[in-house]
């Protein structure tokens, strides 16, 4: 399958890495491309969860500091 810029541009802003885009684009049939995209989606979702944990920790630190100032 030949990749052109129109095909690649549809993935702009998705969080996919270049190698992941290539894997999706060269995957055989429609079902293989969907499986490849779902694998990418799981990786991106894992990153979201990790960032959420970081935000939760920051919120905890903010609360701790705020409570110490009030005491």
N, C-alpha and C. Protein backbone atom coordinates (compact mmCIF):
# COMPACT_ATOMS: atom_id res chain seq x y z
N UNK A 1 0.84 -1.18 0.00
CA UNK A 1 0.00 0.00 0.00
C UNK A 1 0.89 1.24 0.00
N UNK A 2 0.61 2.15 -0.86
CA UNK A 2 1.39 3.37 -0.98
C UNK A 2 0.80 4.44 -0.06
N UNK A 3 1.66 5.09 0.69
CA UNK A 3 1.20 6.15 1.58
C UNK A 3 1.45 7.49 0.93
N UNK A 4 0.43 8.34 0.92
CA UNK A 4 0.67 9.71 0.49
C UNK A 4 0.33 10.64 1.65
N UNK A 5 0.61 11.92 1.46
CA UNK A 5 0.43 12.88 2.55
C UNK A 5 -1.01 12.96 3.04
N UNK A 6 -1.98 12.76 2.14
CA UNK A 6 -3.38 12.80 2.57
C UNK A 6 -3.65 11.70 3.58
N UNK A 7 -3.12 10.51 3.32
CA UNK A 7 -3.31 9.39 4.25
C UNK A 7 -2.65 9.67 5.58
N UNK A 8 -1.43 10.15 5.54
CA UNK A 8 -0.67 10.42 6.76
C UNK A 8 -1.28 11.58 7.54
N UNK A 9 -1.75 12.61 6.83
CA UNK A 9 -2.30 13.79 7.50
C UNK A 9 -3.54 13.48 8.33
N UNK A 10 -4.26 12.43 8.01
CA UNK A 10 -5.45 12.11 8.80
C UNK A 10 -5.08 11.72 10.23
N UNK A 11 -3.82 11.40 10.46
CA UNK A 11 -3.38 11.02 11.80
C UNK A 11 -2.78 12.18 12.59
N UNK A 12 -2.77 13.37 11.99
CA UNK A 12 -2.24 14.55 12.68
C UNK A 12 -3.06 14.80 13.94
N UNK A 13 -2.37 14.99 15.04
CA UNK A 13 -3.04 15.29 16.30
C UNK A 13 -3.61 14.09 17.03
N UNK A 14 -3.29 12.89 16.58
CA UNK A 14 -3.83 11.69 17.24
C UNK A 14 -2.93 11.16 18.33
N UNK A 15 -1.69 11.64 18.39
CA UNK A 15 -0.76 11.12 19.38
C UNK A 15 0.00 9.90 18.89
N UNK A 16 -0.25 9.49 17.64
CA UNK A 16 0.47 8.35 17.09
C UNK A 16 1.90 8.76 16.71
N UNK A 17 2.81 7.84 16.94
CA UNK A 17 4.20 8.04 16.55
C UNK A 17 4.36 7.65 15.09
N UNK A 18 5.42 8.13 14.47
CA UNK A 18 5.63 7.85 13.04
C UNK A 18 5.62 6.36 12.73
N UNK A 19 6.30 5.58 13.56
CA UNK A 19 6.34 4.14 13.29
C UNK A 19 4.97 3.50 13.43
N UNK A 20 4.15 4.02 14.34
CA UNK A 20 2.80 3.49 14.48
C UNK A 20 1.95 3.83 13.26
N UNK A 21 2.11 5.03 12.75
CA UNK A 21 1.37 5.42 11.54
C UNK A 21 1.76 4.52 10.39
N UNK A 22 3.05 4.26 10.27
CA UNK A 22 3.51 3.37 9.19
C UNK A 22 2.89 1.98 9.32
N UNK A 23 2.87 1.46 10.55
CA UNK A 23 2.29 0.13 10.77
C UNK A 23 0.82 0.10 10.37
N UNK A 24 0.11 1.14 10.71
CA UNK A 24 -1.31 1.21 10.35
C UNK A 24 -1.46 1.27 8.84
N UNK A 25 -0.64 2.10 8.21
CA UNK A 25 -0.78 2.31 6.78
C UNK A 25 -0.40 1.08 5.96
N UNK A 26 0.53 0.28 6.45
CA UNK A 26 0.95 -0.90 5.68
C UNK A 26 0.22 -2.17 6.11
N UNK A 27 -0.60 -2.05 7.16
CA UNK A 27 -1.37 -3.22 7.58
C UNK A 27 -2.25 -3.68 6.42
N UNK A 28 -2.37 -4.97 6.28
CA UNK A 28 -3.06 -5.55 5.13
C UNK A 28 -4.44 -5.01 4.84
N UNK A 29 -5.42 -5.60 5.41
CA UNK A 29 -6.80 -5.25 5.09
C UNK A 29 -7.37 -4.29 6.14
N UNK A 30 -8.62 -3.98 5.97
CA UNK A 30 -9.32 -3.04 6.86
C UNK A 30 -9.26 -3.51 8.31
N UNK A 31 -9.52 -4.78 8.54
CA UNK A 31 -9.51 -5.31 9.91
C UNK A 31 -8.13 -5.21 10.54
N UNK A 32 -7.10 -5.44 9.78
CA UNK A 32 -5.73 -5.34 10.30
C UNK A 32 -5.41 -3.89 10.66
N UNK A 33 -5.87 -2.94 9.85
CA UNK A 33 -5.64 -1.53 10.16
C UNK A 33 -6.38 -1.13 11.43
N UNK A 34 -7.60 -1.64 11.58
CA UNK A 34 -8.37 -1.33 12.79
C UNK A 34 -7.69 -1.92 14.02
N UNK A 35 -7.18 -3.15 13.93
CA UNK A 35 -6.46 -3.76 15.06
C UNK A 35 -5.22 -2.92 15.41
N UNK A 36 -4.50 -2.48 14.39
CA UNK A 36 -3.31 -1.67 14.62
C UNK A 36 -3.69 -0.36 15.31
N UNK A 37 -4.76 0.25 14.86
CA UNK A 37 -5.21 1.51 15.49
C UNK A 37 -5.67 1.29 16.92
N UNK A 38 -6.32 0.18 17.19
CA UNK A 38 -6.76 -0.11 18.56
C UNK A 38 -5.56 -0.32 19.48
N UNK A 39 -4.51 -0.94 18.97
CA UNK A 39 -3.29 -1.10 19.75
C UNK A 39 -2.69 0.27 20.07
N UNK A 40 -2.67 1.16 19.09
CA UNK A 40 -2.17 2.52 19.31
C UNK A 40 -3.05 3.25 20.33
N UNK A 41 -4.35 3.05 20.22
CA UNK A 41 -5.27 3.70 21.14
C UNK A 41 -5.00 3.27 22.58
N UNK A 42 -4.71 2.01 22.78
CA UNK A 42 -4.40 1.53 24.13
C UNK A 42 -3.15 2.20 24.68
N UNK A 43 -2.14 2.38 23.83
CA UNK A 43 -0.91 3.06 24.28
C UNK A 43 -1.21 4.50 24.66
N UNK A 44 -1.98 5.20 23.83
CA UNK A 44 -2.31 6.60 24.12
C UNK A 44 -3.14 6.69 25.40
N UNK A 45 -4.09 5.78 25.57
CA UNK A 45 -4.91 5.77 26.78
C UNK A 45 -4.06 5.51 28.02
N UNK A 46 -3.07 4.65 27.91
CA UNK A 46 -2.16 4.40 29.02
C UNK A 46 -1.41 5.67 29.39
N UNK A 47 -1.00 6.43 28.39
CA UNK A 47 -0.32 7.70 28.65
C UNK A 47 -1.26 8.68 29.36
N UNK A 48 -2.52 8.70 28.95
CA UNK A 48 -3.51 9.57 29.60
C UNK A 48 -3.64 9.18 31.08
N UNK A 49 -3.71 7.90 31.36
CA UNK A 49 -3.83 7.44 32.75
C UNK A 49 -2.62 7.84 33.57
N UNK A 50 -1.44 7.72 32.98
CA UNK A 50 -0.22 8.11 33.71
C UNK A 50 -0.23 9.61 33.99
N UNK A 51 -0.65 10.41 33.02
CA UNK A 51 -0.73 11.86 33.23
C UNK A 51 -1.77 12.20 34.29
N UNK A 52 -2.87 11.47 34.32
CA UNK A 52 -3.89 11.70 35.34
C UNK A 52 -3.33 11.41 36.73
N UNK A 53 -2.53 10.36 36.84
CA UNK A 53 -1.90 10.05 38.13
C UNK A 53 -0.96 11.18 38.55
N UNK A 54 -0.23 11.74 37.61
CA UNK A 54 0.66 12.86 37.92
C UNK A 54 -0.15 14.06 38.40
N UNK A 55 -1.27 14.34 37.73
CA UNK A 55 -2.13 15.45 38.15
C UNK A 55 -2.69 15.20 39.55
N UNK A 56 -3.09 13.98 39.82
CA UNK A 56 -3.61 13.64 41.15
C UNK A 56 -2.54 13.88 42.22
N UNK A 57 -1.31 13.51 41.94
CA UNK A 57 -0.22 13.72 42.90
C UNK A 57 0.03 15.21 43.12
N UNK A 58 -0.01 15.98 42.03
CA UNK A 58 0.17 17.43 42.16
C UNK A 58 -0.96 18.04 42.98
N UNK A 59 -2.18 17.61 42.73
CA UNK A 59 -3.32 18.11 43.51
C UNK A 59 -3.14 17.79 44.99
N UNK A 60 -2.64 16.60 45.27
CA UNK A 60 -2.39 16.21 46.66
C UNK A 60 -1.36 17.14 47.29
N UNK A 61 -0.28 17.41 46.56
CA UNK A 61 0.75 18.31 47.09
C UNK A 61 0.18 19.70 47.35
N UNK A 62 -0.64 20.19 46.43
CA UNK A 62 -1.25 21.51 46.60
C UNK A 62 -2.13 21.52 47.85
N UNK A 63 -2.94 20.45 48.02
CA UNK A 63 -3.80 20.38 49.21
C UNK A 63 -2.97 20.34 50.49
N UNK A 64 -1.90 19.56 50.47
CA UNK A 64 -1.05 19.46 51.67
C UNK A 64 -0.45 20.81 52.02
N UNK A 65 0.05 21.51 51.03
CA UNK A 65 0.65 22.83 51.29
C UNK A 65 -0.40 23.81 51.76
N UNK A 66 -1.58 23.79 51.13
CA UNK A 66 -2.66 24.69 51.52
C UNK A 66 -3.08 24.44 52.96
N UNK A 67 -3.18 23.20 53.36
CA UNK A 67 -3.60 22.87 54.71
C UNK A 67 -2.53 23.30 55.72
N UNK A 68 -1.26 23.17 55.37
CA UNK A 68 -0.18 23.57 56.28
C UNK A 68 -0.17 25.08 56.46
N UNK A 69 -0.52 25.82 55.44
CA UNK A 69 -0.54 27.28 55.55
C UNK A 69 -1.67 27.72 56.44
N UNK A 70 -2.82 27.04 56.35
CA UNK A 70 -4.00 27.40 57.14
C UNK A 70 -3.82 27.05 58.62
N UNK A 71 -3.02 26.05 58.92
CA UNK A 71 -2.86 25.56 60.29
C UNK A 71 -2.07 26.50 61.17
